[in-house]
Amino acid sequence: MTHNLLGPEPTRLPERSGPEAALDAGTDPAEVAAEHPDFSEAWAALAEKSLEAGEIVAAYAYARTGYHRGLDQLRRAGWKGFGPIPWSHRPNQGFLRALAVLGKAAERIGESDEYDRCRTFIADSDPAAAEATGLK
């Protein structure tokens, strides 16, 4: 057994082909979230749509839901509260996208501490996620 002496191994959430396929086919994210309430990617999509529409409080609420559902799944996958969460692994992207919208919405409502925490968290998880989501 080999160990990464520089830190924990990257955490990769399990594949979720059903809800991923539904979103890819254009199913409304609200329907996907209602059918799969633990699927962060659906909550992230709802948060992004709300943010784009200027519905900041709704975006914040959807993002916080996706963030917390993702944290639960990360912990079940062995994540100990730190270490890489690779953006390149699609099942991780729902959590990371929700985290990014949470930070953006927090900034828009004046929660600078929450914005800073989200920005640091996403960069620590994977700099590629910060780049892809625009939360740098």
Foldseek 3Di string as FASTA:
>chain_A
DDADPVDHDAFAFDDDVVLVVCVVVPNQLVVSCVVVVLQLQSLLVQLVVCVVVVVLVSSLVSLVSSQVSLVVRSVVSPDPPADAHDPVRPSSLSNLSSLLSNLVSCVVVPVPVSVVVSLVRSVRRPVVSCVVNVSD
